[in-house]
Amino acid sequence: MSGQFEQLRNQIKQNQIDALIGFPVGRILDKLIEKYTLGHIVEVWHVNGEEDFFYFPTKDMKKLSKEYAERIPNYSTSIYAASQLLEHLSNWYISKDETLGYQAKIIEIADINNRLPHFKTFPEAVVKACLYELILNHIIIDELTKRDTRS
């Protein structure tokens, strides 16, 4: 029975990794970082007729009013915002190949090397490495496999 459970868990993990690798950069990926990596409550609001994502910093959680919310940074498209996430990767490095792009390599505790494929930009490599590390630690990110990822 435990062998079947382990096989199912590995299959779910691989499906999550495959979905993450193909997930497009943009605001929904930024939302996943804020929710899963940083652990903030995320809300969808309409600002000037457009949908955007906001979060409540931990210290303001009890207040939960729009005046205390902050717009989620563009982690997946901004080098500055992505560089703020580097502290959330435990053992990692990101290399750049002139033709292939950026590749995140995460080294687990047991020194098993896990590599993501090359991505076009540094922010995409960092963001996907953060979420990849969570998946390796058995965190299921439902939004990666849902068709409608707005909520």
N, C-alpha and C. Protein backbone atom coordinates (compact mmCIF):
# COMPACT_ATOMS: atom_id res chain seq x y z
N MET A 1 0.81 -1.20 0.00
CA MET A 1 0.00 0.00 0.00
C MET A 1 0.86 1.27 0.00
N SER A 2 1.93 1.28 0.81
CA SER A 2 2.77 2.47 0.87
C SER A 2 3.49 2.70 -0.45
N GLY A 3 3.80 1.62 -1.18
CA GLY A 3 4.42 1.75 -2.48
C GLY A 3 3.51 2.45 -3.48
N GLN A 4 2.20 2.11 -3.43
CA GLN A 4 1.23 2.77 -4.31
C GLN A 4 1.08 4.25 -3.93
N PHE A 5 1.08 4.51 -2.63
CA PHE A 5 0.97 5.89 -2.17
C PHE A 5 2.16 6.71 -2.64
N GLU A 6 3.35 6.16 -2.52
CA GLU A 6 4.57 6.86 -2.94
C GLU A 6 4.57 7.08 -4.45
N GLN A 7 4.09 6.09 -5.20
CA GLN A 7 4.00 6.22 -6.65
C GLN A 7 3.03 7.32 -7.04
N LEU A 8 1.88 7.38 -6.37
CA LEU A 8 0.89 8.43 -6.63
C LEU A 8 1.44 9.80 -6.27
N ARG A 9 2.14 9.90 -5.14
CA ARG A 9 2.72 11.18 -4.73
C ARG A 9 3.76 11.65 -5.74
N ASN A 10 4.58 10.73 -6.23
CA ASN A 10 5.58 11.10 -7.24
C ASN A 10 4.93 11.52 -8.56
N GLN A 11 3.83 10.88 -8.92
CA GLN A 11 3.11 11.24 -10.14
C GLN A 11 2.52 12.65 -10.02
N ILE A 12 1.92 12.95 -8.87
CA ILE A 12 1.37 14.29 -8.63
C ILE A 12 2.48 15.32 -8.67
N LYS A 13 3.59 15.01 -8.03
CA LYS A 13 4.73 15.92 -8.01
C LYS A 13 5.23 16.19 -9.43
N GLN A 14 5.35 15.14 -10.24
CA GLN A 14 5.83 15.32 -11.61
C GLN A 14 4.84 16.13 -12.45
N ASN A 15 3.54 15.90 -12.25
CA ASN A 15 2.53 16.69 -12.96
C ASN A 15 2.63 18.17 -12.59
N GLN A 16 2.88 18.43 -11.30
CA GLN A 16 3.04 19.81 -10.84
C GLN A 16 4.27 20.46 -11.48
N ILE A 17 5.37 19.72 -11.52
CA ILE A 17 6.60 20.25 -12.12
C ILE A 17 6.41 20.53 -13.60
N ASP A 18 5.77 19.60 -14.32
CA ASP A 18 5.51 19.81 -15.75
C ASP A 18 4.64 21.04 -15.98
N ALA A 19 3.61 21.22 -15.15
CA ALA A 19 2.74 22.39 -15.28
C ALA A 19 3.50 23.67 -14.98
N LEU A 20 4.35 23.63 -13.97
CA LEU A 20 5.14 24.81 -13.61
C LEU A 20 6.08 25.22 -14.73
N ILE A 21 6.75 24.27 -15.33
CA ILE A 21 7.70 24.56 -16.40
C ILE A 21 7.02 25.26 -17.57
N GLY A 22 5.82 24.84 -17.91
CA GLY A 22 5.11 25.43 -19.03
C GLY A 22 4.24 26.62 -18.67
N PHE A 23 4.18 26.98 -17.40
CA PHE A 23 3.29 28.06 -16.96
C PHE A 23 3.82 29.40 -17.46
N PRO A 24 2.96 30.23 -18.04
CA PRO A 24 3.43 31.51 -18.59
C PRO A 24 3.79 32.52 -17.49
N VAL A 25 4.78 33.35 -17.77
CA VAL A 25 5.10 34.43 -16.84
C VAL A 25 3.96 35.44 -16.86
N GLY A 26 3.84 36.17 -15.78
CA GLY A 26 2.79 37.18 -15.71
C GLY A 26 2.19 37.25 -14.32
N ARG A 27 1.07 37.94 -14.23
CA ARG A 27 0.47 38.26 -12.95
C ARG A 27 0.00 37.02 -12.17
N ILE A 28 -0.47 36.00 -12.86
CA ILE A 28 -0.93 34.81 -12.13
C ILE A 28 0.26 34.09 -11.50
N LEU A 29 1.37 34.02 -12.18
CA LEU A 29 2.57 33.43 -11.60
C LEU A 29 3.04 34.27 -10.41
N ASP A 30 2.95 35.59 -10.52
CA ASP A 30 3.30 36.48 -9.41
C ASP A 30 2.40 36.20 -8.21
N LYS A 31 1.12 35.97 -8.48
CA LYS A 31 0.17 35.66 -7.41
C LYS A 31 0.55 34.37 -6.69
N LEU A 32 0.98 33.36 -7.44
CA LEU A 32 1.37 32.09 -6.84
C LEU A 32 2.58 32.26 -5.92
N ILE A 33 3.52 33.11 -6.31
CA ILE A 33 4.68 33.39 -5.47
C ILE A 33 4.24 34.04 -4.17
N GLU A 34 3.39 35.04 -4.26
CA GLU A 34 2.94 35.76 -3.07
C GLU A 34 2.19 34.82 -2.12
N LYS A 35 1.37 33.97 -2.69
CA LYS A 35 0.55 33.07 -1.88
C LYS A 35 1.34 31.91 -1.29
N TYR A 36 2.14 31.23 -2.11
CA TYR A 36 2.79 30.01 -1.66
C TYR A 36 4.21 30.23 -1.10
N THR A 37 4.99 31.07 -1.73
CA THR A 37 6.35 31.29 -1.25
C THR A 37 6.38 32.24 -0.06
N LEU A 38 5.61 33.32 -0.16
CA LEU A 38 5.63 34.34 0.89
C LEU A 38 4.52 34.16 1.92
N GLY A 39 3.51 33.34 1.60
CA GLY A 39 2.48 33.00 2.56
C GLY A 39 1.49 34.09 2.89
N HIS A 40 1.25 34.99 1.96
CA HIS A 40 0.29 36.07 2.21
C HIS A 40 -1.09 35.73 1.65
N ILE A 41 -2.10 36.36 2.22
CA ILE A 41 -3.46 36.25 1.66
C ILE A 41 -3.51 37.14 0.43
N VAL A 42 -4.00 36.58 -0.65
CA VAL A 42 -4.07 37.30 -1.93
C VAL A 42 -5.52 37.51 -2.30
N GLU A 43 -5.84 38.70 -2.78
CA GLU A 43 -7.18 39.00 -3.26
C GLU A 43 -7.11 39.57 -4.66
N VAL A 44 -8.16 39.31 -5.42
CA VAL A 44 -8.30 39.86 -6.77
C VAL A 44 -9.20 41.08 -6.67
N TRP A 45 -8.71 42.21 -7.13
CA TRP A 45 -9.52 43.43 -7.16
C TRP A 45 -9.50 43.99 -8.57
N HIS A 46 -10.52 44.74 -8.87
CA HIS A 46 -10.59 45.43 -10.15
C HIS A 46 -10.21 46.89 -9.94
N VAL A 47 -9.17 47.30 -10.64
CA VAL A 47 -8.67 48.66 -10.54
C VAL A 47 -8.74 49.27 -11.93
N ASN A 48 -9.48 50.37 -12.05
CA ASN A 48 -9.66 51.03 -13.34
C ASN A 48 -10.14 50.05 -14.41
N GLY A 49 -11.03 49.16 -14.01
CA GLY A 49 -11.63 48.22 -14.94
C GLY A 49 -10.79 47.00 -15.26
N GLU A 50 -9.60 46.90 -14.68
CA GLU A 50 -8.73 45.76 -14.94
C GLU A 50 -8.50 44.95 -13.68
N GLU A 51 -8.40 43.64 -13.84
CA GLU A 51 -8.17 42.73 -12.73
C GLU A 51 -6.69 42.78 -12.31
N ASP A 52 -6.45 42.85 -11.01
CA ASP A 52 -5.09 42.83 -10.50
C ASP A 52 -5.08 42.13 -9.14
N PHE A 53 -3.90 41.80 -8.67
CA PHE A 53 -3.76 41.03 -7.43
C PHE A 53 -3.10 41.87 -6.35
N PHE A 54 -3.65 41.78 -5.15
CA PHE A 54 -3.15 42.50 -3.99
C PHE A 54 -2.99 41.53 -2.83
N TYR A 55 -2.10 41.89 -1.90
CA TYR A 55 -1.89 41.04 -0.73
C TYR A 55 -1.87 41.92 0.52
N PHE A 56 -2.05 41.27 1.63
CA PHE A 56 -1.99 41.95 2.92
C PHE A 56 -0.71 41.53 3.62
N PRO A 57 0.16 42.50 3.91
CA PRO A 57 1.36 42.14 4.68
C PRO A 57 0.95 41.54 6.02
N THR A 58 1.73 40.61 6.51
CA THR A 58 1.39 39.86 7.72
C THR A 58 1.01 40.76 8.88
N LYS A 59 1.72 41.85 9.10
CA LYS A 59 1.44 42.72 10.24
C LYS A 59 0.07 43.38 10.16
N ASP A 60 -0.49 43.47 8.97
CA ASP A 60 -1.78 44.13 8.80
C ASP A 60 -2.93 43.15 8.58
N MET A 61 -2.69 41.87 8.81
CA MET A 61 -3.71 40.86 8.53
C MET A 61 -5.02 41.11 9.24
N LYS A 62 -4.99 41.62 10.46
CA LYS A 62 -6.21 41.81 11.23
C LYS A 62 -7.05 42.96 10.70
N LYS A 63 -6.44 43.87 9.97
CA LYS A 63 -7.15 45.06 9.51
C LYS A 63 -7.96 44.79 8.25
N LEU A 64 -7.41 44.02 7.34
CA LEU A 64 -8.08 43.59 6.11
C LEU A 64 -8.98 44.64 5.46
N SER A 65 -8.44 45.77 5.22
CA SER A 65 -9.16 46.76 4.44
C SER A 65 -8.25 47.20 3.29
N LYS A 66 -8.83 47.72 2.26
CA LYS A 66 -8.08 48.05 1.06
C LYS A 66 -6.93 49.01 1.32
N GLU A 67 -7.05 49.86 2.31
CA GLU A 67 -5.98 50.82 2.55
C GLU A 67 -4.69 50.15 3.02
N TYR A 68 -4.75 48.94 3.54
CA TYR A 68 -3.57 48.24 4.01
C TYR A 68 -3.03 47.22 3.01
N ALA A 69 -3.72 47.05 1.93
CA ALA A 69 -3.28 46.08 0.92
C ALA A 69 -2.17 46.68 0.06
N GLU A 70 -1.34 45.79 -0.48
CA GLU A 70 -0.29 46.22 -1.38
C GLU A 70 -0.39 45.41 -2.67
N ARG A 71 -0.06 46.05 -3.77
CA ARG A 71 -0.08 45.37 -5.06
C ARG A 71 1.07 44.36 -5.10
N ILE A 72 0.78 43.17 -5.60
CA ILE A 72 1.81 42.14 -5.73
C ILE A 72 2.84 42.61 -6.77
N PRO A 73 4.12 42.57 -6.41
CA PRO A 73 5.15 42.95 -7.39
C PRO A 73 5.16 42.03 -8.60
N ASN A 74 5.77 42.49 -9.65
CA ASN A 74 5.91 41.71 -10.89
C ASN A 74 7.13 40.79 -10.78
N TYR A 75 7.02 39.79 -9.91
CA TYR A 75 8.16 38.90 -9.66
C TYR A 75 8.65 38.20 -10.91
N SER A 76 7.74 37.79 -11.77
CA SER A 76 8.13 36.97 -12.92
C SER A 76 8.65 37.77 -14.11
N THR A 77 8.60 39.11 -14.02
CA THR A 77 9.06 39.92 -15.15
C THR A 77 10.03 41.03 -14.74
N SER A 78 10.24 41.24 -13.45
CA SER A 78 11.12 42.31 -12.98
C SER A 78 12.34 41.72 -12.28
N ILE A 79 13.52 42.12 -12.72
CA ILE A 79 14.75 41.62 -12.10
C ILE A 79 14.81 42.04 -10.64
N TYR A 80 14.44 43.26 -10.34
CA TYR A 80 14.49 43.75 -8.95
C TYR A 80 13.56 42.93 -8.05
N ALA A 81 12.33 42.73 -8.47
CA ALA A 81 11.37 41.98 -7.66
C ALA A 81 11.82 40.52 -7.51
N ALA A 82 12.31 39.93 -8.59
CA ALA A 82 12.77 38.54 -8.54
C ALA A 82 13.97 38.39 -7.61
N SER A 83 14.86 39.36 -7.61
CA SER A 83 16.05 39.25 -6.75
C SER A 83 15.68 39.26 -5.27
N GLN A 84 14.53 39.81 -4.93
CA GLN A 84 14.07 39.80 -3.54
C GLN A 84 13.65 38.40 -3.10
N LEU A 85 13.44 37.51 -4.03
CA LEU A 85 13.02 36.14 -3.72
C LEU A 85 14.19 35.19 -3.49
N LEU A 86 15.39 35.61 -3.81
CA LEU A 86 16.54 34.71 -3.74
C LEU A 86 16.75 34.15 -2.34
N GLU A 87 16.40 34.91 -1.33
CA GLU A 87 16.57 34.41 0.05
C GLU A 87 15.63 33.25 0.37
N HIS A 88 14.61 33.03 -0.45
CA HIS A 88 13.66 31.95 -0.22
C HIS A 88 14.11 30.63 -0.85
N LEU A 89 15.21 30.65 -1.57
CA LEU A 89 15.76 29.42 -2.14
C LEU A 89 16.87 28.93 -1.21
N SER A 90 16.74 27.71 -0.71
CA SER A 90 17.69 27.23 0.29
C SER A 90 19.08 26.96 -0.28
N ASN A 91 19.20 26.11 -1.24
CA ASN A 91 20.49 25.79 -1.87
C ASN A 91 20.29 25.88 -3.38
N TRP A 92 20.87 26.86 -3.99
CA TRP A 92 20.59 27.09 -5.39
C TRP A 92 21.71 27.86 -6.05
N TYR A 93 21.71 27.84 -7.34
CA TYR A 93 22.42 28.83 -8.12
C TYR A 93 21.75 28.91 -9.48
N ILE A 94 21.92 30.04 -10.12
CA ILE A 94 21.33 30.25 -11.44
C ILE A 94 22.46 30.59 -12.39
N SER A 95 22.52 29.83 -13.46
CA SER A 95 23.56 30.07 -14.46
C SER A 95 22.93 30.58 -15.74
N LYS A 96 23.76 31.20 -16.56
CA LYS A 96 23.25 31.73 -17.83
C LYS A 96 24.09 31.16 -18.97
N ASP A 97 23.39 30.66 -19.95
CA ASP A 97 24.00 30.21 -21.19
C ASP A 97 23.61 31.24 -22.25
N GLU A 98 24.54 31.73 -23.00
CA GLU A 98 24.28 32.79 -23.97
C GLU A 98 23.18 32.45 -24.97
N THR A 99 23.09 31.18 -25.35
CA THR A 99 22.09 30.81 -26.35
C THR A 99 20.83 30.22 -25.73
N LEU A 100 20.95 29.51 -24.61
CA LEU A 100 19.80 28.84 -24.02
C LEU A 100 19.04 29.68 -23.00
N GLY A 101 19.72 30.57 -22.31
CA GLY A 101 19.07 31.40 -21.30
C GLY A 101 19.49 31.03 -19.90
N TYR A 102 18.61 31.27 -18.94
CA TYR A 102 18.90 31.09 -17.52
C TYR A 102 18.39 29.74 -17.03
N GLN A 103 19.20 29.09 -16.20
CA GLN A 103 18.81 27.80 -15.64
C GLN A 103 19.04 27.83 -14.13
N ALA A 104 18.01 27.44 -13.39
CA ALA A 104 18.12 27.34 -11.94
C ALA A 104 18.47 25.91 -11.58
N LYS A 105 19.45 25.78 -10.72
CA LYS A 105 19.84 24.47 -10.24
C LYS A 105 19.67 24.48 -8.74
N ILE A 106 18.83 23.61 -8.24
CA ILE A 106 18.58 23.53 -6.82
C ILE A 106 19.21 22.25 -6.30
N ILE A 107 19.98 22.38 -5.24
CA ILE A 107 20.65 21.24 -4.65
C ILE A 107 19.92 20.89 -3.35
N GLU A 108 19.34 19.72 -3.30
CA GLU A 108 18.63 19.28 -2.10
C GLU A 108 19.61 18.90 -1.00
N ILE A 109 19.09 18.68 0.17
CA ILE A 109 19.90 18.33 1.33
C ILE A 109 20.77 17.11 1.06
N ALA A 110 20.27 16.13 0.36
CA ALA A 110 21.02 14.90 0.08
C ALA A 110 21.96 15.07 -1.12
N ASP A 111 22.22 16.30 -1.51
CA ASP A 111 23.11 16.61 -2.64
C ASP A 111 22.64 16.02 -3.96
N ILE A 112 21.35 15.85 -4.11
CA ILE A 112 20.80 15.42 -5.40
C ILE A 112 20.53 16.67 -6.21
N ASN A 113 21.09 16.73 -7.39
CA ASN A 113 20.93 17.93 -8.20
C ASN A 113 19.63 17.89 -8.98
N ASN A 114 18.89 18.95 -8.86
CA ASN A 114 17.64 19.09 -9.61
C ASN A 114 17.75 20.33 -10.48
N ARG A 115 17.57 20.14 -11.76
CA ARG A 115 17.68 21.28 -12.68
C ARG A 115 16.36 21.52 -13.37
N LEU A 116 16.03 22.76 -13.47
CA LEU A 116 14.90 23.16 -14.30
C LEU A 116 15.45 23.42 -15.69
N PRO A 117 14.60 23.43 -16.70
CA PRO A 117 15.11 23.75 -18.04
C PRO A 117 15.54 25.22 -18.10
N HIS A 118 16.13 25.61 -19.17
CA HIS A 118 16.53 27.01 -19.35
C HIS A 118 15.30 27.86 -19.62
N PHE A 119 15.31 29.07 -19.07
CA PHE A 119 14.24 30.03 -19.30
C PHE A 119 14.84 31.29 -19.93
N LYS A 120 14.02 32.04 -20.62
CA LYS A 120 14.50 33.21 -21.34
C LYS A 120 15.04 34.30 -20.42
N THR A 121 14.41 34.45 -19.24
CA THR A 121 14.79 35.57 -18.37
C THR A 121 15.18 35.11 -16.97
N PHE A 122 15.96 35.94 -16.32
CA PHE A 122 16.35 35.70 -14.94
C PHE A 122 15.14 35.66 -14.00
N PRO A 123 14.19 36.62 -14.09
CA PRO A 123 13.03 36.56 -13.20
C PRO A 123 12.23 35.27 -13.33
N GLU A 124 12.03 34.80 -14.54
CA GLU A 124 11.29 33.55 -14.72
C GLU A 124 12.01 32.38 -14.06
N ALA A 125 13.33 32.32 -14.20
CA ALA A 125 14.10 31.24 -13.59
C ALA A 125 13.99 31.28 -12.07
N VAL A 126 14.05 32.46 -11.48
CA VAL A 126 13.97 32.59 -10.02
C VAL A 126 12.59 32.20 -9.51
N VAL A 127 11.56 32.73 -10.14
CA VAL A 127 10.19 32.47 -9.70
C VAL A 127 9.87 30.98 -9.79
N LYS A 128 10.22 30.38 -10.89
CA LYS A 128 9.92 28.96 -11.07
C LYS A 128 10.78 28.09 -10.15
N ALA A 129 11.99 28.53 -9.82
CA ALA A 129 12.81 27.79 -8.86
C ALA A 129 12.19 27.83 -7.47
N CYS A 130 11.64 28.98 -7.08
CA CYS A 130 10.98 29.09 -5.77
C CYS A 130 9.80 28.11 -5.67
N LEU A 131 8.97 28.09 -6.69
CA LEU A 131 7.81 27.20 -6.68
C LEU A 131 8.23 25.74 -6.83
N TYR A 132 9.26 25.49 -7.60
CA TYR A 132 9.79 24.15 -7.78
C TYR A 132 10.26 23.57 -6.45
N GLU A 133 10.95 24.39 -5.67
CA GLU A 133 11.42 23.93 -4.37
C GLU A 133 10.26 23.55 -3.46
N LEU A 134 9.17 24.31 -3.51
CA LEU A 134 7.99 23.96 -2.72
C LEU A 134 7.40 22.62 -3.16
N ILE A 135 7.33 22.42 -4.47
CA ILE A 135 6.79 21.16 -4.99
C ILE A 135 7.66 19.99 -4.53
N LEU A 136 8.98 20.16 -4.55
CA LEU A 136 9.87 19.10 -4.08
C LEU A 136 9.63 18.77 -2.61
N ASN A 137 9.17 19.77 -1.86
CA ASN A 137 8.87 19.58 -0.44
C ASN A 137 7.41 19.19 -0.20
N HIS A 138 6.79 18.63 -1.23
CA HIS A 138 5.44 18.05 -1.15
C HIS A 138 4.34 19.07 -0.93
N ILE A 139 4.53 20.31 -1.38
CA ILE A 139 3.47 21.31 -1.36
C ILE A 139 2.75 21.20 -2.70
N ILE A 140 1.44 21.03 -2.65
CA ILE A 140 0.64 20.96 -3.87
C ILE A 140 0.10 22.34 -4.19
N ILE A 141 0.39 22.82 -5.37
CA ILE A 141 -0.07 24.13 -5.82
C ILE A 141 -1.20 23.89 -6.81
N ASP A 142 -2.41 23.89 -6.28
CA ASP A 142 -3.58 23.55 -7.10
C ASP A 142 -3.70 24.40 -8.35
N GLU A 143 -3.38 25.66 -8.24
CA GLU A 143 -3.56 26.58 -9.36
C GLU A 143 -2.72 26.21 -10.58
N LEU A 144 -1.68 25.42 -10.41
CA LEU A 144 -0.87 25.03 -11.56
C LEU A 144 -1.61 24.11 -12.51
N THR A 145 -2.55 23.36 -11.98
CA THR A 145 -3.23 22.39 -12.83
C THR A 145 -4.68 22.76 -13.13
N LYS A 146 -5.14 23.89 -12.60
CA LYS A 146 -6.49 24.35 -12.90
C LYS A 146 -6.48 25.17 -14.17
N ARG A 147 -7.56 25.11 -14.90
CA ARG A 147 -7.69 25.90 -16.12
C ARG A 147 -7.93 27.37 -15.79
N ASP A 148 -8.82 27.64 -14.84
CA ASP A 148 -9.14 29.02 -14.46
C ASP A 148 -8.33 29.36 -13.22
N THR A 149 -7.26 30.13 -13.37
CA THR A 149 -6.34 30.40 -12.27
C THR A 149 -6.51 31.81 -11.71
N ARG A 150 -7.63 32.45 -11.93
CA ARG A 150 -7.82 33.81 -11.46
C ARG A 150 -8.01 33.90 -9.97
N SER A 151 -8.59 32.92 -9.32
CA SER A 151 -8.89 33.05 -7.89
C SER A 151 -7.77 32.54 -7.02
